[in-house]
Amino acid sequence: MQKFRDYLWLFLISGFIVALDQYTKWLVRTNLSFAESWLPEQLQSLLPYMRIVYWHNTGAAFGLFQNGNVLFIILGFIVSGVIIYYYPQVSREDWWLKLALGLQLGGALGNLIDRLQYGHVTDFISVGSFPVWNVADSAITVGTCILLLGIYLKERKLTQQAKINQGTENSPPPNSQKEASKSE
């Protein structure tokens, strides 16, 4: 039953990301022509720094490694499988790792669906001169940042705990201090 509950959180988080990703991509594909850009009238002052633009990507997140669609389909399946396999092994206390994996799985599946269905990923969020991206790319990036921050904080805590334990081992036991003061 615990394994089911663990997987429930993974699939709720990743399912939400996939649904949001696919919905936003559908909105872009049905309302914009390829390479057309749009921004609500009240936000026109943000042009050209921010806009919605319909773009295709055959590479990795943020337009890296173009024309690697087959490789990224294979990697999408591998990454998804590894996350699903590894997820129940994560401790309940490491909720941040579970969140990170859920975000990463949702992002990987969102882009994998596009690659399998269209032969490319639909990107649409354009900010400044940064490559165009989508909700799935965001989930992968945020998941990776949470993962790295969580690992850093956990390692820092373990290092601090080791220093405390090492300091405790080097100091005399509390009773021997009392005995030493009595004998003086």
N, C-alpha and C. Protein backbone atom coordinates (compact mmCIF):
# COMPACT_ATOMS: atom_id res chain seq x y z
N MET A 1 0.82 -1.20 0.00
CA MET A 1 0.00 0.00 0.00
C MET A 1 0.86 1.26 0.00
N GLN A 2 2.00 1.23 0.72
CA GLN A 2 2.90 2.39 0.76
C GLN A 2 3.48 2.68 -0.62
N LYS A 3 3.85 1.62 -1.36
CA LYS A 3 4.40 1.81 -2.69
C LYS A 3 3.37 2.49 -3.61
N PHE A 4 2.11 2.09 -3.48
CA PHE A 4 1.04 2.72 -4.25
C PHE A 4 0.95 4.20 -3.93
N ARG A 5 1.02 4.54 -2.62
CA ARG A 5 0.94 5.93 -2.21
C ARG A 5 2.13 6.74 -2.74
N ASP A 6 3.32 6.12 -2.73
CA ASP A 6 4.49 6.79 -3.29
C ASP A 6 4.29 7.07 -4.77
N TYR A 7 3.87 6.06 -5.51
CA TYR A 7 3.65 6.24 -6.94
C TYR A 7 2.50 7.21 -7.22
N LEU A 8 1.52 7.25 -6.33
CA LEU A 8 0.40 8.17 -6.51
C LEU A 8 0.91 9.61 -6.59
N TRP A 9 1.82 9.99 -5.66
CA TRP A 9 2.37 11.35 -5.67
C TRP A 9 3.19 11.59 -6.93
N LEU A 10 3.97 10.61 -7.34
CA LEU A 10 4.77 10.76 -8.57
C LEU A 10 3.86 11.01 -9.76
N PHE A 11 2.81 10.21 -9.89
CA PHE A 11 1.95 10.34 -11.05
C PHE A 11 1.02 11.55 -10.97
N LEU A 12 0.69 12.01 -9.76
CA LEU A 12 -0.09 13.25 -9.64
C LEU A 12 0.75 14.45 -10.08
N ILE A 13 1.98 14.52 -9.60
CA ILE A 13 2.85 15.64 -9.95
C ILE A 13 3.16 15.61 -11.45
N SER A 14 3.63 14.47 -11.93
CA SER A 14 4.00 14.39 -13.35
C SER A 14 2.77 14.50 -14.25
N GLY A 15 1.64 13.95 -13.82
CA GLY A 15 0.41 14.05 -14.61
C GLY A 15 -0.06 15.49 -14.74
N PHE A 16 0.05 16.25 -13.66
CA PHE A 16 -0.31 17.68 -13.72
C PHE A 16 0.58 18.41 -14.71
N ILE A 17 1.89 18.14 -14.66
CA ILE A 17 2.83 18.80 -15.58
C ILE A 17 2.53 18.42 -17.02
N VAL A 18 2.30 17.13 -17.28
CA VAL A 18 2.00 16.68 -18.65
C VAL A 18 0.71 17.35 -19.15
N ALA A 19 -0.32 17.38 -18.31
CA ALA A 19 -1.59 17.98 -18.71
C ALA A 19 -1.42 19.47 -19.01
N LEU A 20 -0.74 20.19 -18.13
CA LEU A 20 -0.52 21.62 -18.34
C LEU A 20 0.33 21.85 -19.59
N ASP A 21 1.37 21.06 -19.76
CA ASP A 21 2.25 21.18 -20.92
C ASP A 21 1.49 20.93 -22.22
N GLN A 22 0.76 19.84 -22.27
CA GLN A 22 0.05 19.50 -23.51
C GLN A 22 -1.08 20.50 -23.80
N TYR A 23 -1.74 20.98 -22.76
CA TYR A 23 -2.81 21.97 -22.96
C TYR A 23 -2.24 23.27 -23.52
N THR A 24 -1.15 23.76 -22.93
CA THR A 24 -0.58 25.02 -23.42
C THR A 24 -0.02 24.87 -24.83
N LYS A 25 0.56 23.73 -25.15
CA LYS A 25 1.06 23.51 -26.51
C LYS A 25 -0.11 23.43 -27.50
N TRP A 26 -1.19 22.80 -27.09
CA TRP A 26 -2.39 22.73 -27.94
C TRP A 26 -2.92 24.13 -28.22
N LEU A 27 -2.99 24.96 -27.18
CA LEU A 27 -3.45 26.34 -27.36
C LEU A 27 -2.61 27.08 -28.39
N VAL A 28 -1.31 26.92 -28.31
CA VAL A 28 -0.40 27.59 -29.24
C VAL A 28 -0.59 27.05 -30.65
N ARG A 29 -0.62 25.71 -30.80
CA ARG A 29 -0.75 25.11 -32.14
C ARG A 29 -2.07 25.47 -32.81
N THR A 30 -3.14 25.61 -32.03
CA THR A 30 -4.45 25.89 -32.63
C THR A 30 -4.73 27.37 -32.83
N ASN A 31 -3.96 28.24 -32.18
CA ASN A 31 -4.25 29.67 -32.27
C ASN A 31 -3.19 30.50 -32.99
N LEU A 32 -2.02 29.92 -33.22
CA LEU A 32 -0.95 30.65 -33.90
C LEU A 32 -0.44 29.85 -35.09
N SER A 33 -0.02 30.55 -36.12
CA SER A 33 0.68 29.91 -37.23
C SER A 33 2.14 29.73 -36.83
N PHE A 34 2.82 28.78 -37.48
CA PHE A 34 4.22 28.55 -37.15
C PHE A 34 5.01 29.85 -37.29
N ALA A 35 5.83 30.15 -36.29
CA ALA A 35 6.70 31.33 -36.20
C ALA A 35 5.93 32.62 -35.89
N GLU A 36 4.61 32.56 -35.76
CA GLU A 36 3.84 33.74 -35.40
C GLU A 36 4.01 34.00 -33.90
N SER A 37 4.07 35.27 -33.53
CA SER A 37 4.18 35.62 -32.11
C SER A 37 2.95 36.40 -31.66
N TRP A 38 2.73 36.40 -30.35
CA TRP A 38 1.55 37.04 -29.77
C TRP A 38 1.87 37.48 -28.36
N LEU A 39 1.27 38.56 -27.95
CA LEU A 39 1.34 39.03 -26.57
C LEU A 39 0.06 39.82 -26.31
N PRO A 40 -0.57 39.64 -25.16
CA PRO A 40 -1.80 40.39 -24.88
C PRO A 40 -1.57 41.90 -25.04
N GLU A 41 -2.58 42.60 -25.50
CA GLU A 41 -2.44 44.03 -25.80
C GLU A 41 -1.94 44.84 -24.61
N GLN A 42 -2.42 44.51 -23.41
CA GLN A 42 -2.01 45.26 -22.23
C GLN A 42 -0.55 45.02 -21.84
N LEU A 43 0.10 44.03 -22.46
CA LEU A 43 1.51 43.72 -22.16
C LEU A 43 2.44 44.05 -23.33
N GLN A 44 1.95 44.77 -24.33
CA GLN A 44 2.74 45.07 -25.52
C GLN A 44 4.04 45.80 -25.20
N SER A 45 4.11 46.49 -24.08
CA SER A 45 5.33 47.20 -23.71
C SER A 45 6.49 46.23 -23.43
N LEU A 46 6.17 44.95 -23.23
CA LEU A 46 7.21 43.94 -22.97
C LEU A 46 7.91 43.46 -24.25
N LEU A 47 7.30 43.76 -25.42
CA LEU A 47 7.93 43.35 -26.68
C LEU A 47 9.23 44.10 -26.86
N PRO A 48 10.26 43.58 -27.37
CA PRO A 48 10.48 42.22 -27.84
C PRO A 48 11.05 41.30 -26.77
N TYR A 49 11.03 41.75 -25.51
CA TYR A 49 11.66 40.99 -24.43
C TYR A 49 10.88 39.77 -24.00
N MET A 50 9.59 39.79 -24.18
CA MET A 50 8.76 38.67 -23.78
C MET A 50 7.61 38.53 -24.77
N ARG A 51 7.34 37.27 -25.16
CA ARG A 51 6.24 37.03 -26.10
C ARG A 51 5.96 35.53 -26.18
N ILE A 52 4.82 35.21 -26.73
CA ILE A 52 4.47 33.83 -27.06
C ILE A 52 4.75 33.68 -28.55
N VAL A 53 5.54 32.67 -28.91
CA VAL A 53 5.87 32.44 -30.32
C VAL A 53 5.81 30.93 -30.57
N TYR A 54 5.18 30.55 -31.65
CA TYR A 54 5.02 29.14 -32.00
C TYR A 54 6.29 28.68 -32.73
N TRP A 55 7.00 27.73 -32.12
CA TRP A 55 8.27 27.27 -32.66
C TRP A 55 8.39 25.76 -32.54
N HIS A 56 9.15 25.14 -33.42
CA HIS A 56 9.43 23.70 -33.37
C HIS A 56 10.86 23.48 -32.91
N ASN A 57 11.06 22.41 -32.16
CA ASN A 57 12.39 22.10 -31.64
C ASN A 57 12.63 20.60 -31.81
N THR A 58 13.66 20.24 -32.55
CA THR A 58 14.03 18.82 -32.71
C THR A 58 15.21 18.46 -31.83
N GLY A 59 15.62 19.39 -30.98
CA GLY A 59 16.76 19.16 -30.09
C GLY A 59 16.31 18.98 -28.65
N ALA A 60 17.21 19.32 -27.75
CA ALA A 60 16.95 19.19 -26.32
C ALA A 60 16.29 20.48 -25.81
N ALA A 61 16.16 20.57 -24.50
CA ALA A 61 15.56 21.75 -23.89
C ALA A 61 16.29 23.01 -24.34
N PHE A 62 15.51 24.08 -24.54
CA PHE A 62 16.02 25.39 -24.89
C PHE A 62 16.76 25.40 -26.23
N GLY A 63 16.41 24.49 -27.13
CA GLY A 63 16.95 24.50 -28.48
C GLY A 63 18.34 23.91 -28.64
N LEU A 64 18.86 23.28 -27.63
CA LEU A 64 20.20 22.68 -27.73
C LEU A 64 20.16 21.39 -28.54
N PHE A 65 21.24 21.10 -29.24
CA PHE A 65 21.44 19.83 -29.98
C PHE A 65 20.32 19.55 -30.99
N GLN A 66 20.10 20.48 -31.90
CA GLN A 66 19.06 20.34 -32.92
C GLN A 66 19.24 19.08 -33.77
N ASN A 67 18.13 18.57 -34.28
CA ASN A 67 18.05 17.39 -35.15
C ASN A 67 18.45 16.09 -34.45
N GLY A 68 18.29 16.04 -33.15
CA GLY A 68 18.59 14.83 -32.40
C GLY A 68 17.32 14.15 -31.91
N ASN A 69 16.23 14.25 -32.67
CA ASN A 69 14.93 13.78 -32.23
C ASN A 69 14.92 12.31 -31.83
N VAL A 70 15.51 11.44 -32.64
CA VAL A 70 15.52 10.01 -32.34
C VAL A 70 16.28 9.74 -31.05
N LEU A 71 17.42 10.38 -30.89
CA LEU A 71 18.21 10.23 -29.67
C LEU A 71 17.40 10.68 -28.46
N PHE A 72 16.68 11.80 -28.58
CA PHE A 72 15.93 12.33 -27.45
C PHE A 72 14.67 11.52 -27.16
N ILE A 73 14.14 10.83 -28.14
CA ILE A 73 13.03 9.89 -27.89
C ILE A 73 13.55 8.74 -27.04
N ILE A 74 14.69 8.18 -27.42
CA ILE A 74 15.29 7.08 -26.66
C ILE A 74 15.63 7.54 -25.24
N LEU A 75 16.26 8.71 -25.12
CA LEU A 75 16.60 9.24 -23.79
C LEU A 75 15.35 9.51 -22.96
N GLY A 76 14.28 9.98 -23.60
CA GLY A 76 13.04 10.23 -22.87
C GLY A 76 12.48 8.96 -22.23
N PHE A 77 12.53 7.86 -22.99
CA PHE A 77 12.07 6.58 -22.43
C PHE A 77 12.99 6.11 -21.31
N ILE A 78 14.29 6.24 -21.50
CA ILE A 78 15.26 5.79 -20.48
C ILE A 78 15.11 6.60 -19.20
N VAL A 79 15.08 7.92 -19.32
CA VAL A 79 14.95 8.79 -18.15
C VAL A 79 13.65 8.51 -17.41
N SER A 80 12.56 8.37 -18.14
CA SER A 80 11.26 8.08 -17.51
C SER A 80 11.31 6.75 -16.77
N GLY A 81 11.88 5.73 -17.39
CA GLY A 81 11.99 4.42 -16.76
C GLY A 81 12.84 4.45 -15.50
N VAL A 82 13.96 5.17 -15.54
CA VAL A 82 14.84 5.27 -14.37
C VAL A 82 14.12 5.98 -13.23
N ILE A 83 13.42 7.06 -13.54
CA ILE A 83 12.70 7.80 -12.49
C ILE A 83 11.61 6.91 -11.87
N ILE A 84 10.85 6.21 -12.69
CA ILE A 84 9.78 5.35 -12.17
C ILE A 84 10.37 4.22 -11.33
N TYR A 85 11.50 3.67 -11.74
CA TYR A 85 12.15 2.59 -10.98
C TYR A 85 12.71 3.13 -9.66
N TYR A 86 13.38 4.26 -9.70
CA TYR A 86 14.09 4.80 -8.53
C TYR A 86 13.15 5.43 -7.51
N TYR A 87 12.05 5.99 -7.92
CA TYR A 87 11.17 6.79 -7.07
C TYR A 87 10.77 6.10 -5.75
N PRO A 88 10.31 4.84 -5.76
CA PRO A 88 9.89 4.25 -4.48
C PRO A 88 11.05 3.99 -3.51
N GLN A 89 12.27 4.08 -3.99
CA GLN A 89 13.43 3.87 -3.13
C GLN A 89 13.82 5.13 -2.37
N VAL A 90 13.21 6.25 -2.71
CA VAL A 90 13.51 7.53 -2.06
C VAL A 90 12.79 7.58 -0.71
N SER A 91 13.53 7.99 0.30
CA SER A 91 12.99 8.08 1.66
C SER A 91 11.85 9.10 1.72
N ARG A 92 10.89 8.87 2.59
CA ARG A 92 9.75 9.79 2.75
C ARG A 92 10.21 11.16 3.24
N GLU A 93 11.32 11.20 3.97
CA GLU A 93 11.84 12.47 4.47
C GLU A 93 12.40 13.33 3.33
N ASP A 94 12.77 12.71 2.24
CA ASP A 94 13.33 13.42 1.10
C ASP A 94 12.22 13.85 0.13
N TRP A 95 11.22 14.56 0.66
CA TRP A 95 10.08 14.99 -0.15
C TRP A 95 10.52 15.88 -1.31
N TRP A 96 11.57 16.66 -1.11
CA TRP A 96 12.09 17.54 -2.17
C TRP A 96 12.60 16.73 -3.36
N LEU A 97 13.21 15.56 -3.07
CA LEU A 97 13.69 14.70 -4.15
C LEU A 97 12.50 14.10 -4.90
N LYS A 98 11.47 13.72 -4.15
CA LYS A 98 10.27 13.19 -4.79
C LYS A 98 9.60 14.24 -5.68
N LEU A 99 9.54 15.48 -5.20
CA LEU A 99 8.99 16.58 -6.00
C LEU A 99 9.83 16.79 -7.26
N ALA A 100 11.15 16.82 -7.10
CA ALA A 100 12.05 17.02 -8.23
C ALA A 100 11.87 15.93 -9.28
N LEU A 101 11.79 14.69 -8.83
CA LEU A 101 11.61 13.58 -9.78
C LEU A 101 10.26 13.65 -10.48
N GLY A 102 9.22 14.06 -9.76
CA GLY A 102 7.90 14.20 -10.37
C GLY A 102 7.90 15.28 -11.45
N LEU A 103 8.55 16.40 -11.17
CA LEU A 103 8.66 17.47 -12.16
C LEU A 103 9.45 17.02 -13.38
N GLN A 104 10.56 16.33 -13.13
CA GLN A 104 11.39 15.87 -14.24
C GLN A 104 10.68 14.83 -15.09
N LEU A 105 9.95 13.91 -14.44
CA LEU A 105 9.19 12.91 -15.20
C LEU A 105 8.11 13.59 -16.03
N GLY A 106 7.38 14.52 -15.45
CA GLY A 106 6.34 15.23 -16.19
C GLY A 106 6.91 15.97 -17.40
N GLY A 107 8.04 16.62 -17.21
CA GLY A 107 8.68 17.33 -18.32
C GLY A 107 9.16 16.38 -19.40
N ALA A 108 9.79 15.29 -18.98
CA ALA A 108 10.29 14.31 -19.97
C ALA A 108 9.14 13.71 -20.76
N LEU A 109 8.04 13.36 -20.08
CA LEU A 109 6.90 12.77 -20.78
C LEU A 109 6.19 13.79 -21.68
N GLY A 110 6.09 15.04 -21.22
CA GLY A 110 5.45 16.07 -22.03
C GLY A 110 6.16 16.26 -23.36
N ASN A 111 7.48 16.34 -23.33
CA ASN A 111 8.23 16.51 -24.58
C ASN A 111 8.28 15.21 -25.38
N LEU A 112 8.29 14.06 -24.70
CA LEU A 112 8.28 12.77 -25.40
C LEU A 112 6.99 12.60 -26.20
N ILE A 113 5.87 13.00 -25.63
CA ILE A 113 4.59 12.93 -26.34
C ILE A 113 4.66 13.73 -27.64
N ASP A 114 5.20 14.93 -27.56
CA ASP A 114 5.34 15.77 -28.77
C ASP A 114 6.23 15.09 -29.81
N ARG A 115 7.36 14.57 -29.38
CA ARG A 115 8.30 13.95 -30.31
C ARG A 115 7.66 12.76 -31.03
N LEU A 116 6.92 11.96 -30.27
CA LEU A 116 6.28 10.78 -30.86
C LEU A 116 5.12 11.17 -31.78
N GLN A 117 4.37 12.18 -31.40
CA GLN A 117 3.18 12.57 -32.15
C GLN A 117 3.49 13.48 -33.35
N TYR A 118 4.46 14.39 -33.19
CA TYR A 118 4.70 15.40 -34.24
C TYR A 118 6.10 15.33 -34.86
N GLY A 119 7.02 14.60 -34.24
CA GLY A 119 8.39 14.55 -34.75
C GLY A 119 9.24 15.72 -34.27
N HIS A 120 8.68 16.56 -33.42
CA HIS A 120 9.39 17.69 -32.84
C HIS A 120 8.63 18.13 -31.57
N VAL A 121 9.25 19.01 -30.81
CA VAL A 121 8.62 19.56 -29.61
C VAL A 121 8.11 20.95 -29.94
N THR A 122 6.92 21.27 -29.46
CA THR A 122 6.37 22.62 -29.63
C THR A 122 6.88 23.49 -28.49
N ASP A 123 7.60 24.55 -28.84
CA ASP A 123 8.06 25.54 -27.88
C ASP A 123 7.32 26.84 -28.14
N PHE A 124 7.15 27.65 -27.09
CA PHE A 124 6.37 28.88 -27.30
C PHE A 124 6.68 30.02 -26.35
N ILE A 125 7.44 29.82 -25.31
CA ILE A 125 7.73 30.90 -24.36
C ILE A 125 9.06 31.54 -24.78
N SER A 126 9.01 32.80 -25.12
CA SER A 126 10.20 33.53 -25.56
C SER A 126 10.46 34.69 -24.62
N VAL A 127 11.64 34.69 -24.01
CA VAL A 127 12.04 35.75 -23.09
C VAL A 127 13.42 36.25 -23.53
N GLY A 128 13.48 37.50 -23.95
CA GLY A 128 14.74 38.09 -24.38
C GLY A 128 15.37 37.31 -25.52
N SER A 129 16.68 37.14 -25.45
CA SER A 129 17.39 36.41 -26.50
C SER A 129 17.59 34.94 -26.11
N PHE A 130 16.96 34.53 -25.02
CA PHE A 130 17.05 33.14 -24.56
C PHE A 130 16.29 32.25 -25.54
N PRO A 131 16.74 31.01 -25.78
CA PRO A 131 15.99 30.12 -26.69
C PRO A 131 14.55 29.91 -26.23
N VAL A 132 13.67 29.67 -27.17
CA VAL A 132 12.25 29.47 -26.90
C VAL A 132 12.08 28.14 -26.15
N TRP A 133 11.15 28.09 -25.19
CA TRP A 133 10.96 26.92 -24.35
C TRP A 133 9.50 26.70 -24.07
N ASN A 134 9.18 25.69 -23.24
CA ASN A 134 7.79 25.33 -22.94
C ASN A 134 7.64 24.91 -21.49
N VAL A 135 6.45 24.51 -21.10
CA VAL A 135 6.18 24.10 -19.72
C VAL A 135 7.00 22.88 -19.33
N ALA A 136 7.14 21.91 -20.23
CA ALA A 136 7.93 20.70 -19.93
C ALA A 136 9.39 21.06 -19.66
N ASP A 137 9.96 21.93 -20.48
CA ASP A 137 11.34 22.38 -20.26
C ASP A 137 11.47 23.04 -18.89
N SER A 138 10.48 23.85 -18.54
CA SER A 138 10.48 24.53 -17.23
C SER A 138 10.45 23.52 -16.10
N ALA A 139 9.60 22.50 -16.22
CA ALA A 139 9.49 21.48 -15.17
C ALA A 139 10.80 20.73 -15.01
N ILE A 140 11.44 20.39 -16.11
CA ILE A 140 12.73 19.69 -16.05
C ILE A 140 13.77 20.58 -15.36
N THR A 141 13.80 21.85 -15.74
CA THR A 141 14.77 22.79 -15.17
C THR A 141 14.52 23.02 -13.69
N VAL A 142 13.27 23.30 -13.32
CA VAL A 142 12.95 23.53 -11.90
C VAL A 142 13.21 22.25 -11.09
N GLY A 143 12.83 21.09 -11.65
CA GLY A 143 13.10 19.82 -10.97
C GLY A 143 14.59 19.60 -10.74
N THR A 144 15.40 19.94 -11.73
CA THR A 144 16.85 19.79 -11.59
C THR A 144 17.40 20.76 -10.55
N CYS A 145 16.91 21.99 -10.53
CA CYS A 145 17.35 22.96 -9.52
C CYS A 145 16.96 22.51 -8.11
N ILE A 146 15.75 22.01 -7.95
CA ILE A 146 15.32 21.49 -6.63
C ILE A 146 16.21 20.31 -6.22
N LEU A 147 16.48 19.43 -7.16
CA LEU A 147 17.34 18.27 -6.90
C LEU A 147 18.73 18.72 -6.44
N LEU A 148 19.35 19.63 -7.17
CA LEU A 148 20.70 20.10 -6.82
C LEU A 148 20.71 20.84 -5.49
N LEU A 149 19.72 21.71 -5.27
CA LEU A 149 19.64 22.43 -4.00
C LEU A 149 19.41 21.46 -2.84
N GLY A 150 18.54 20.49 -3.04
CA GLY A 150 18.27 19.51 -2.00
C GLY A 150 19.49 18.68 -1.66
N ILE A 151 20.23 18.26 -2.67
CA ILE A 151 21.45 17.48 -2.44
C ILE A 151 22.47 18.33 -1.68
N TYR A 152 22.62 19.58 -2.11
CA TYR A 152 23.55 20.48 -1.43
C TYR A 152 23.18 20.66 0.04
N LEU A 153 21.91 20.94 0.32
CA LEU A 153 21.47 21.16 1.70
C LEU A 153 21.61 19.89 2.54
N LYS A 154 21.32 18.74 1.94
CA LYS A 154 21.44 17.48 2.68
C LYS A 154 22.91 17.18 2.99
N GLU A 155 23.79 17.39 2.01
CA GLU A 155 25.22 17.19 2.23
C GLU A 155 25.75 18.14 3.30
N ARG A 156 25.30 19.38 3.27
CA ARG A 156 25.72 20.36 4.27
C ARG A 156 25.27 19.93 5.67
N LYS A 157 24.04 19.46 5.76
CA LYS A 157 23.52 19.00 7.05
C LYS A 157 24.32 17.80 7.56
N LEU A 158 24.61 16.85 6.67
CA LEU A 158 25.40 15.67 7.06
C LEU A 158 26.81 16.07 7.49
N THR A 159 27.41 17.03 6.82
CA THR A 159 28.75 17.50 7.18
C THR A 159 28.72 18.16 8.55
N GLN A 160 27.71 19.00 8.80
CA GLN A 160 27.58 19.65 10.10
C GLN A 160 27.36 18.61 11.20
N GLN A 161 26.53 17.62 10.91
CA GLN A 161 26.26 16.57 11.89
C GLN A 161 27.53 15.78 12.19
N ALA A 162 28.33 15.51 11.17
CA ALA A 162 29.58 14.78 11.36
C ALA A 162 30.54 15.58 12.22
N LYS A 163 30.60 16.91 12.02
CA LYS A 163 31.46 17.75 12.84
C LYS A 163 31.00 17.75 14.29
N ILE A 164 29.69 17.80 14.51
CA ILE A 164 29.15 17.77 15.87
C ILE A 164 29.49 16.44 16.52
N ASN A 165 29.29 15.34 15.78
CA ASN A 165 29.60 14.01 16.31
C ASN A 165 31.09 13.87 16.60
N GLN A 166 31.92 14.43 15.74
CA GLN A 166 33.38 14.36 15.94
C GLN A 166 33.77 15.16 17.17
N GLY A 167 33.17 16.31 17.38
CA GLY A 167 33.44 17.13 18.56
C GLY A 167 33.00 16.43 19.83
N THR A 168 31.91 15.70 19.78
CA THR A 168 31.41 14.96 20.93
C THR A 168 32.35 13.82 21.29
N GLU A 169 32.93 13.18 20.28
CA GLU A 169 33.85 12.07 20.53
C GLU A 169 35.15 12.56 21.17
N ASN A 170 35.58 13.78 20.87
CA ASN A 170 36.85 14.30 21.39
C ASN A 170 36.72 14.88 22.79
N SER A 171 35.52 15.24 23.22
CA SER A 171 35.35 15.81 24.56
C SER A 171 35.12 14.68 25.57
N PRO A 172 35.57 14.89 26.81
CA PRO A 172 35.37 13.84 27.82
C PRO A 172 33.90 13.70 28.17
N PRO A 173 33.50 12.52 28.60
CA PRO A 173 32.09 12.33 29.00
C PRO A 173 31.74 13.27 30.15
N PRO A 174 30.48 13.66 30.28
CA PRO A 174 30.05 14.61 31.31
C PRO A 174 30.41 14.16 32.72
N ASN A 175 30.31 12.87 33.05
CA ASN A 175 30.60 12.38 34.40
C ASN A 175 32.08 12.55 34.74
N SER A 176 32.97 12.35 33.79
CA SER A 176 34.39 12.46 34.09
C SER A 176 34.78 13.91 34.39
N GLN A 177 34.07 14.89 33.88
CA GLN A 177 34.33 16.29 34.20
C GLN A 177 33.94 16.55 35.66
N LYS A 178 32.79 15.99 36.07
CA LYS A 178 32.36 16.19 37.46
C LYS A 178 33.34 15.53 38.41
N GLU A 179 33.79 14.31 38.07
CA GLU A 179 34.73 13.60 38.92
C GLU A 179 36.07 14.35 39.02
N ALA A 180 36.50 14.95 37.95
CA ALA A 180 37.76 15.68 37.93
C ALA A 180 37.65 16.91 38.83
N SER A 181 36.51 17.58 38.84
CA SER A 181 36.35 18.78 39.69
C SER A 181 36.22 18.39 41.15
N LYS A 182 35.69 17.20 41.47
CA LYS A 182 35.57 16.74 42.86
C LYS A 182 36.94 16.42 43.44
N SER A 183 37.81 15.84 42.62
CA SER A 183 39.11 15.43 43.14
C SER A 183 40.02 16.62 43.38
N GLU A 184 39.72 17.77 42.82
CA GLU A 184 40.57 18.94 43.03
C GLU A 184 40.27 19.55 44.32
